[in-house]
């Protein structure tokens, strides 16, 4: 179970992100999508699942090219 200092760090991080205008959203992914994300991270296309999801959302809704880390 996370300690009080860990909870405080998480709260500070969330507050910092809110101040930058970011927003936290929880989403359920299909198994197929989840596996594809995991594979892309494992293959080094993205450093984290969060980065992969963020890039995909930007590409879909902001119409930018996907930036893949090599």
C-alpha atoms as a PDB file:
ATOM      1  CA  UNK A   1       0.000   0.000   0.000  1.00  0.00           C
ATOM      2  CA  UNK A   2       1.455   3.393  -0.960  1.00  0.00           C
ATOM      3  CA  UNK A   3       2.696   5.559   1.868  1.00  0.00           C
ATOM      4  CA  UNK A   4       1.676   9.108   2.710  1.00  0.00           C
ATOM      5  CA  UNK A   5       4.725  10.607   0.973  1.00  0.00           C
ATOM      6  CA  UNK A   6       3.917   8.654  -2.195  1.00  0.00           C
ATOM      7  CA  UNK A   7       0.320   9.904  -2.121  1.00  0.00           C
ATOM      8  CA  UNK A   8       1.564  13.475  -1.653  1.00  0.00           C
ATOM      9  CA  UNK A   9       3.886  13.171  -4.663  1.00  0.00           C
ATOM     10  CA  UNK A  10       1.067  11.867  -6.824  1.00  0.00           C
ATOM     11  CA  UNK A  11      -1.213  14.702  -5.711  1.00  0.00           C
ATOM     12  CA  UNK A  12       1.482  17.311  -6.465  1.00  0.00           C
ATOM     13  CA  UNK A  13       2.079  15.794  -9.908  1.00  0.00           C
ATOM     14  CA  UNK A  14      -1.648  15.839 -10.671  1.00  0.00           C
ATOM     15  CA  UNK A  15      -1.944  19.451  -9.509  1.00  0.00           C
ATOM     16  CA  UNK A  16       1.032  20.490 -11.658  1.00  0.00           C
ATOM     17  CA  UNK A  17      -0.526  18.839 -14.686  1.00  0.00           C
ATOM     18  CA  UNK A  18      -3.874  20.529 -14.026  1.00  0.00           C
ATOM     19  CA  UNK A  19      -2.099  23.878 -13.803  1.00  0.00           C
ATOM     20  CA  UNK A  20      -0.588  23.193 -17.262  1.00  0.00           C
ATOM     21  CA  UNK A  21      -4.103  22.666 -18.594  1.00  0.00           C
ATOM     22  CA  UNK A  22      -3.896  18.882 -18.823  1.00  0.00           C
ATOM     23  CA  UNK A  23      -6.765  16.672 -17.774  1.00  0.00           C
ATOM     24  CA  UNK A  24      -6.888  13.109 -16.467  1.00  0.00           C
ATOM     25  CA  UNK A  25      -9.262  10.698 -18.188  1.00  0.00           C
ATOM     26  CA  UNK A  26      -9.785   7.003 -17.575  1.00  0.00           C
ATOM     27  CA  UNK A  27     -10.737   4.884 -20.574  1.00  0.00           C
ATOM     28  CA  UNK A  28     -11.462   1.190 -21.011  1.00  0.00           C
ATOM     29  CA  UNK A  29      -9.576  -0.289 -23.975  1.00  0.00           C
ATOM     30  CA  UNK A  30     -10.491  -3.380 -25.937  1.00  0.00           C
ATOM     31  CA  UNK A  31      -8.093  -6.286 -25.641  1.00  0.00           C
ATOM     32  CA  UNK A  32      -7.068  -5.798 -29.287  1.00  0.00           C
ATOM     33  CA  UNK A  33      -6.167  -2.127 -28.757  1.00  0.00           C
ATOM     34  CA  UNK A  34      -4.398  -2.846 -25.469  1.00  0.00           C
ATOM     35  CA  UNK A  35      -2.293  -5.582 -27.029  1.00  0.00           C
ATOM     36  CA  UNK A  36      -1.383  -3.341 -29.973  1.00  0.00           C
ATOM     37  CA  UNK A  37      -0.261  -0.594 -27.585  1.00  0.00           C
ATOM     38  CA  UNK A  38       1.788  -3.056 -25.535  1.00  0.00           C
ATOM     39  CA  UNK A  39       3.431  -4.377 -28.703  1.00  0.00           C
ATOM     40  CA  UNK A  40       4.327  -0.873 -29.918  1.00  0.00           C
ATOM     41  CA  UNK A  41       5.949  -0.078 -26.551  1.00  0.00           C
ATOM     42  CA  UNK A  42       7.761  -3.425 -26.463  1.00  0.00           C
ATOM     43  CA  UNK A  43       9.115  -2.818 -29.981  1.00  0.00           C
ATOM     44  CA  UNK A  44      10.417   0.596 -28.928  1.00  0.00           C
ATOM     45  CA  UNK A  45       8.064   2.688 -31.044  1.00  0.00           C
ATOM     46  CA  UNK A  46       7.036   4.524 -27.865  1.00  0.00           C
ATOM     47  CA  UNK A  47       8.678   4.812 -24.456  1.00  0.00           C
ATOM     48  CA  UNK A  48       5.442   4.306 -22.489  1.00  0.00           C
ATOM     49  CA  UNK A  49       1.803   3.311 -22.973  1.00  0.00           C
ATOM     50  CA  UNK A  50       0.814   6.833 -21.997  1.00  0.00           C
ATOM     51  CA  UNK A  51       2.993   8.278 -24.760  1.00  0.00           C
ATOM     52  CA  UNK A  52       1.534   5.863 -27.332  1.00  0.00           C
ATOM     53  CA  UNK A  53      -2.041   6.714 -26.377  1.00  0.00           C
ATOM     54  CA  UNK A  54      -1.323  10.443 -26.330  1.00  0.00           C
ATOM     55  CA  UNK A  55       0.255  10.352 -29.801  1.00  0.00           C
ATOM     56  CA  UNK A  56      -2.674   8.351 -31.198  1.00  0.00           C
ATOM     57  CA  UNK A  57      -5.194  10.809 -29.748  1.00  0.00           C
ATOM     58  CA  UNK A  58      -3.279  13.777 -31.138  1.00  0.00           C
ATOM     59  CA  UNK A  59      -3.132  12.131 -34.564  1.00  0.00           C
ATOM     60  CA  UNK A  60      -6.858  11.414 -34.496  1.00  0.00           C
ATOM     61  CA  UNK A  61      -8.145  14.673 -33.056  1.00  0.00           C
ATOM     62  CA  UNK A  62      -5.489  17.309 -33.729  1.00  0.00           C
ATOM     63  CA  UNK A  63      -4.589  15.829 -37.139  1.00  0.00           C
ATOM     64  CA  UNK A  64      -0.848  15.648 -36.616  1.00  0.00           C
ATOM     65  CA  UNK A  65       1.532  13.041 -37.902  1.00  0.00           C
ATOM     66  CA  UNK A  66       2.334  10.366 -35.346  1.00  0.00           C
ATOM     67  CA  UNK A  67       5.802  10.838 -33.852  1.00  0.00           C
ATOM     68  CA  UNK A  68       7.403   7.455 -33.269  1.00  0.00           C
ATOM     69  CA  UNK A  69      10.488   7.179 -31.084  1.00  0.00           C
ATOM     70  CA  UNK A  70      13.197   5.014 -32.628  1.00  0.00           C
END
